[in-house]
């Protein structure tokens, strides 16, 4: 898949069930299978969530940042596992702990989502991540997800 440690949007689409407008991750780079990766989002003022959050003062909603963390982690996990293991499976968010939103993320910027798998037991994975713009930490969180069969 792509370079040894990079996935483009088309390759991410092959790993995740998300589609526009909910597919947020545009690229996954610096992939260390089973361990870490960096998701990239080019945050643009025409993104659907800015229409109402907030007119005249657009700020990326915290729930969208958490969703982006989840997508980057799900892409890392799906990329890392044997394709037969993830065939007909989905990665579902189970919990979000310690989410902190330190500074507002506004358009137009490049948002880097540094995600790290910190534990896996069976089908349950635990992650931590930091969202950065120009090396400044904008948000961070710890969350868990599980891999389940598609129904």
C-alpha atoms as a PDB file:
ATOM      1  CA  UNK A   1       0.000   0.000   0.000  1.00  0.00           C
ATOM      2  CA  UNK A   2       1.632   3.260  -1.082  1.00  0.00           C
ATOM      3  CA  UNK A   3       5.024   4.126   0.321  1.00  0.00           C
ATOM      4  CA  UNK A   4       6.106   1.992   3.251  1.00  0.00           C
ATOM      5  CA  UNK A   5       4.820   4.522   5.730  1.00  0.00           C
ATOM      6  CA  UNK A   6       2.267   6.695   3.895  1.00  0.00           C
ATOM      7  CA  UNK A   7      -1.353   6.278   2.789  1.00  0.00           C
ATOM      8  CA  UNK A   8      -3.140   8.660   0.431  1.00  0.00           C
ATOM      9  CA  UNK A   9      -6.880   9.392   0.586  1.00  0.00           C
ATOM     10  CA  UNK A  10      -7.782   6.665  -1.910  1.00  0.00           C
ATOM     11  CA  UNK A  11      -5.917   4.076   0.175  1.00  0.00           C
ATOM     12  CA  UNK A  12      -7.601   5.348   3.347  1.00  0.00           C
ATOM     13  CA  UNK A  13     -11.001   4.948   1.648  1.00  0.00           C
ATOM     14  CA  UNK A  14     -10.099   1.290   1.051  1.00  0.00           C
ATOM     15  CA  UNK A  15      -9.465   0.827   4.801  1.00  0.00           C
ATOM     16  CA  UNK A  16     -12.281   2.870   6.376  1.00  0.00           C
ATOM     17  CA  UNK A  17     -16.056   2.844   5.844  1.00  0.00           C
ATOM     18  CA  UNK A  18     -16.249   6.660   6.067  1.00  0.00           C
ATOM     19  CA  UNK A  19     -17.197   8.688   3.005  1.00  0.00           C
ATOM     20  CA  UNK A  20     -17.600  12.378   2.230  1.00  0.00           C
ATOM     21  CA  UNK A  21     -18.413  14.549   4.003  1.00  0.00           C
ATOM     22  CA  UNK A  22     -17.512  12.491   7.113  1.00  0.00           C
ATOM     23  CA  UNK A  23     -14.156  11.214   5.858  1.00  0.00           C
ATOM     24  CA  UNK A  24     -11.878  13.756   7.500  1.00  0.00           C
ATOM     25  CA  UNK A  25      -8.410  12.230   7.132  1.00  0.00           C
ATOM     26  CA  UNK A  26      -6.731  13.088   3.829  1.00  0.00           C
ATOM     27  CA  UNK A  27      -3.405  11.364   4.371  1.00  0.00           C
ATOM     28  CA  UNK A  28      -1.749   9.089   6.926  1.00  0.00           C
ATOM     29  CA  UNK A  29       2.033   9.458   7.232  1.00  0.00           C
ATOM     30  CA  UNK A  30       4.905   8.302   9.427  1.00  0.00           C
ATOM     31  CA  UNK A  31       3.161   4.966   9.934  1.00  0.00           C
ATOM     32  CA  UNK A  32       4.791   2.549  12.339  1.00  0.00           C
ATOM     33  CA  UNK A  33       2.505  -0.516  12.110  1.00  0.00           C
ATOM     34  CA  UNK A  34       0.702  -1.390  15.348  1.00  0.00           C
ATOM     35  CA  UNK A  35       2.256   1.648  17.042  1.00  0.00           C
ATOM     36  CA  UNK A  36       1.736   5.123  15.602  1.00  0.00           C
ATOM     37  CA  UNK A  37       0.907   7.362  12.668  1.00  0.00           C
ATOM     38  CA  UNK A  38       0.132  10.974  11.810  1.00  0.00           C
ATOM     39  CA  UNK A  39      -3.185  11.820  10.171  1.00  0.00           C
ATOM     40  CA  UNK A  40      -3.379  14.977   8.080  1.00  0.00           C
ATOM     41  CA  UNK A  41      -6.424  17.181   7.540  1.00  0.00           C
ATOM     42  CA  UNK A  42      -6.331  20.379   5.547  1.00  0.00           C
ATOM     43  CA  UNK A  43      -8.913  22.356   7.521  1.00  0.00           C
ATOM     44  CA  UNK A  44     -10.719  24.571   5.004  1.00  0.00           C
ATOM     45  CA  UNK A  45     -13.300  27.273   5.568  1.00  0.00           C
ATOM     46  CA  UNK A  46     -15.725  25.477   3.236  1.00  0.00           C
ATOM     47  CA  UNK A  47     -15.771  22.335   5.437  1.00  0.00           C
ATOM     48  CA  UNK A  48     -19.406  21.380   6.139  1.00  0.00           C
ATOM     49  CA  UNK A  49     -19.169  21.816   9.923  1.00  0.00           C
ATOM     50  CA  UNK A  50     -18.117  25.466   9.689  1.00  0.00           C
ATOM     51  CA  UNK A  51     -21.480  26.482   8.185  1.00  0.00           C
ATOM     52  CA  UNK A  52     -23.030  26.546  11.639  1.00  0.00           C
ATOM     53  CA  UNK A  53     -20.026  26.423  13.987  1.00  0.00           C
ATOM     54  CA  UNK A  54     -19.776  29.412  14.145  1.00  0.00           C
ATOM     55  CA  UNK A  55     -20.852  31.812  11.370  1.00  0.00           C
ATOM     56  CA  UNK A  56     -18.390  34.691  11.239  1.00  0.00           C
ATOM     57  CA  UNK A  57     -16.007  32.940  13.671  1.00  0.00           C
ATOM     58  CA  UNK A  58     -15.471  29.383  12.350  1.00  0.00           C
ATOM     59  CA  UNK A  59     -14.065  26.917  14.896  1.00  0.00           C
ATOM     60  CA  UNK A  60     -13.634  23.177  14.324  1.00  0.00           C
ATOM     61  CA  UNK A  61     -16.047  21.405  16.712  1.00  0.00           C
ATOM     62  CA  UNK A  62     -14.438  19.295  19.434  1.00  0.00           C
ATOM     63  CA  UNK A  63     -16.490  16.276  18.373  1.00  0.00           C
ATOM     64  CA  UNK A  64     -14.982  16.532  14.884  1.00  0.00           C
ATOM     65  CA  UNK A  65     -11.479  16.570  16.367  1.00  0.00           C
ATOM     66  CA  UNK A  66     -12.312  13.431  18.347  1.00  0.00           C
ATOM     67  CA  UNK A  67     -13.780  11.851  15.188  1.00  0.00           C
ATOM     68  CA  UNK A  68     -10.574  12.693  13.317  1.00  0.00           C
ATOM     69  CA  UNK A  69      -8.491  11.065  16.067  1.00  0.00           C
ATOM     70  CA  UNK A  70     -10.669   7.971  15.730  1.00  0.00           C
ATOM     71  CA  UNK A  71     -10.308   7.850  11.943  1.00  0.00           C
ATOM     72  CA  UNK A  72      -6.529   8.176  12.087  1.00  0.00           C
ATOM     73  CA  UNK A  73      -6.328   5.410  14.697  1.00  0.00           C
ATOM     74  CA  UNK A  74      -8.746   3.159  12.769  1.00  0.00           C
ATOM     75  CA  UNK A  75      -6.703   3.609   9.577  1.00  0.00           C
ATOM     76  CA  UNK A  76      -3.491   2.786  11.482  1.00  0.00           C
ATOM     77  CA  UNK A  77      -5.075  -0.356  12.942  1.00  0.00           C
ATOM     78  CA  UNK A  78      -6.638  -1.531   9.674  1.00  0.00           C
ATOM     79  CA  UNK A  79      -3.345  -0.933   7.848  1.00  0.00           C
ATOM     80  CA  UNK A  80      -1.390  -2.857  10.486  1.00  0.00           C
ATOM     81  CA  UNK A  81      -3.536  -5.976  10.678  1.00  0.00           C
ATOM     82  CA  UNK A  82      -3.653  -8.829   8.198  1.00  0.00           C
ATOM     83  CA  UNK A  83      -6.133  -7.859   5.440  1.00  0.00           C
ATOM     84  CA  UNK A  84      -8.053 -11.115   6.057  1.00  0.00           C
ATOM     85  CA  UNK A  85      -8.461 -10.086   9.725  1.00  0.00           C
ATOM     86  CA  UNK A  86     -10.107  -6.761   8.882  1.00  0.00           C
ATOM     87  CA  UNK A  87     -12.123  -7.931   5.898  1.00  0.00           C
ATOM     88  CA  UNK A  88     -15.812  -7.338   6.676  1.00  0.00           C
ATOM     89  CA  UNK A  89     -14.923  -5.646   9.983  1.00  0.00           C
ATOM     90  CA  UNK A  90     -15.408  -2.120  11.324  1.00  0.00           C
ATOM     91  CA  UNK A  91     -13.566  -0.223  14.033  1.00  0.00           C
ATOM     92  CA  UNK A  92     -16.020   1.354  16.499  1.00  0.00           C
ATOM     93  CA  UNK A  93     -15.250   4.049  19.045  1.00  0.00           C
ATOM     94  CA  UNK A  94     -15.946   2.740  22.575  1.00  0.00           C
ATOM     95  CA  UNK A  95     -14.871   5.526  24.930  1.00  0.00           C
ATOM     96  CA  UNK A  96     -13.159   8.897  25.031  1.00  0.00           C
ATOM     97  CA  UNK A  97     -11.205   9.866  28.130  1.00  0.00           C
ATOM     98  CA  UNK A  98      -9.250  12.943  29.029  1.00  0.00           C
ATOM     99  CA  UNK A  99     -10.185  14.897  25.895  1.00  0.00           C
ATOM    100  CA  UNK A 100      -8.803  18.408  26.210  1.00  0.00           C
ATOM    101  CA  UNK A 101      -9.310  21.214  23.740  1.00  0.00           C
ATOM    102  CA  UNK A 102      -6.513  23.667  24.372  1.00  0.00           C
ATOM    103  CA  UNK A 103      -6.832  26.147  21.503  1.00  0.00           C
ATOM    104  CA  UNK A 104      -9.479  26.625  18.809  1.00  0.00           C
ATOM    105  CA  UNK A 105      -8.745  25.130  15.405  1.00  0.00           C
ATOM    106  CA  UNK A 106      -9.736  27.596  12.710  1.00  0.00           C
ATOM    107  CA  UNK A 107      -9.541  27.437   8.943  1.00  0.00           C
ATOM    108  CA  UNK A 108      -7.292  27.466   6.871  1.00  0.00           C
ATOM    109  CA  UNK A 109      -4.640  25.277   8.453  1.00  0.00           C
ATOM    110  CA  UNK A 110      -2.971  21.894   8.272  1.00  0.00           C
ATOM    111  CA  UNK A 111      -4.032  19.797  11.268  1.00  0.00           C
ATOM    112  CA  UNK A 112      -1.668  16.986  12.250  1.00  0.00           C
ATOM    113  CA  UNK A 113      -3.140  14.180  14.343  1.00  0.00           C
ATOM    114  CA  UNK A 114      -0.381  12.248  16.067  1.00  0.00           C
ATOM    115  CA  UNK A 115      -1.930   8.961  17.209  1.00  0.00           C
ATOM    116  CA  UNK A 116      -0.341   6.165  19.186  1.00  0.00           C
ATOM    117  CA  UNK A 117      -1.694   2.711  19.993  1.00  0.00           C
ATOM    118  CA  UNK A 118      -0.918   2.252  23.670  1.00  0.00           C
ATOM    119  CA  UNK A 119      -2.533  -1.147  24.276  1.00  0.00           C
ATOM    120  CA  UNK A 120      -4.479  -3.893  22.549  1.00  0.00           C
ATOM    121  CA  UNK A 121      -6.275  -6.825  24.113  1.00  0.00           C
ATOM    122  CA  UNK A 122      -8.164  -9.028  21.720  1.00  0.00           C
ATOM    123  CA  UNK A 123     -10.399  -6.777  19.674  1.00  0.00           C
ATOM    124  CA  UNK A 124     -10.091  -3.751  21.996  1.00  0.00           C
ATOM    125  CA  UNK A 125      -7.455  -1.107  21.326  1.00  0.00           C
ATOM    126  CA  UNK A 126      -6.517   1.930  23.426  1.00  0.00           C
ATOM    127  CA  UNK A 127      -4.984   5.027  21.858  1.00  0.00           C
ATOM    128  CA  UNK A 128      -3.714   8.474  22.727  1.00  0.00           C
ATOM    129  CA  UNK A 129      -3.283  11.408  20.434  1.00  0.00           C
ATOM    130  CA  UNK A 130      -2.349  15.039  20.022  1.00  0.00           C
ATOM    131  CA  UNK A 131      -3.763  17.435  17.441  1.00  0.00           C
ATOM    132  CA  UNK A 132      -1.252  20.054  16.339  1.00  0.00           C
ATOM    133  CA  UNK A 133      -1.186  23.107  14.090  1.00  0.00           C
ATOM    134  CA  UNK A 134       2.260  24.557  13.375  1.00  0.00           C
ATOM    135  CA  UNK A 135       3.742  22.409  16.183  1.00  0.00           C
ATOM    136  CA  UNK A 136       1.292  23.884  18.727  1.00  0.00           C
ATOM    137  CA  UNK A 137      -0.840  21.353  20.620  1.00  0.00           C
ATOM    138  CA  UNK A 138      -4.488  22.233  19.981  1.00  0.00           C
ATOM    139  CA  UNK A 139      -6.143  19.175  21.551  1.00  0.00           C
ATOM    140  CA  UNK A 140      -5.318  15.797  23.028  1.00  0.00           C
ATOM    141  CA  UNK A 141      -7.264  12.712  24.082  1.00  0.00           C
ATOM    142  CA  UNK A 142      -7.150   9.086  25.142  1.00  0.00           C
ATOM    143  CA  UNK A 143      -9.763   6.749  23.661  1.00  0.00           C
ATOM    144  CA  UNK A 144     -10.636   3.105  23.068  1.00  0.00           C
ATOM    145  CA  UNK A 145     -12.077   1.327  20.048  1.00  0.00           C
ATOM    146  CA  UNK A 146     -13.079  -2.192  19.156  1.00  0.00           C
ATOM    147  CA  UNK A 147     -13.043  -4.204  15.955  1.00  0.00           C
ATOM    148  CA  UNK A 148     -16.416  -5.805  15.193  1.00  0.00           C
ATOM    149  CA  UNK A 149     -18.027  -7.722  12.362  1.00  0.00           C
ATOM    150  CA  UNK A 150     -19.976  -5.746   9.798  1.00  0.00           C
ATOM    151  CA  UNK A 151     -23.665  -6.582  10.005  1.00  0.00           C
END
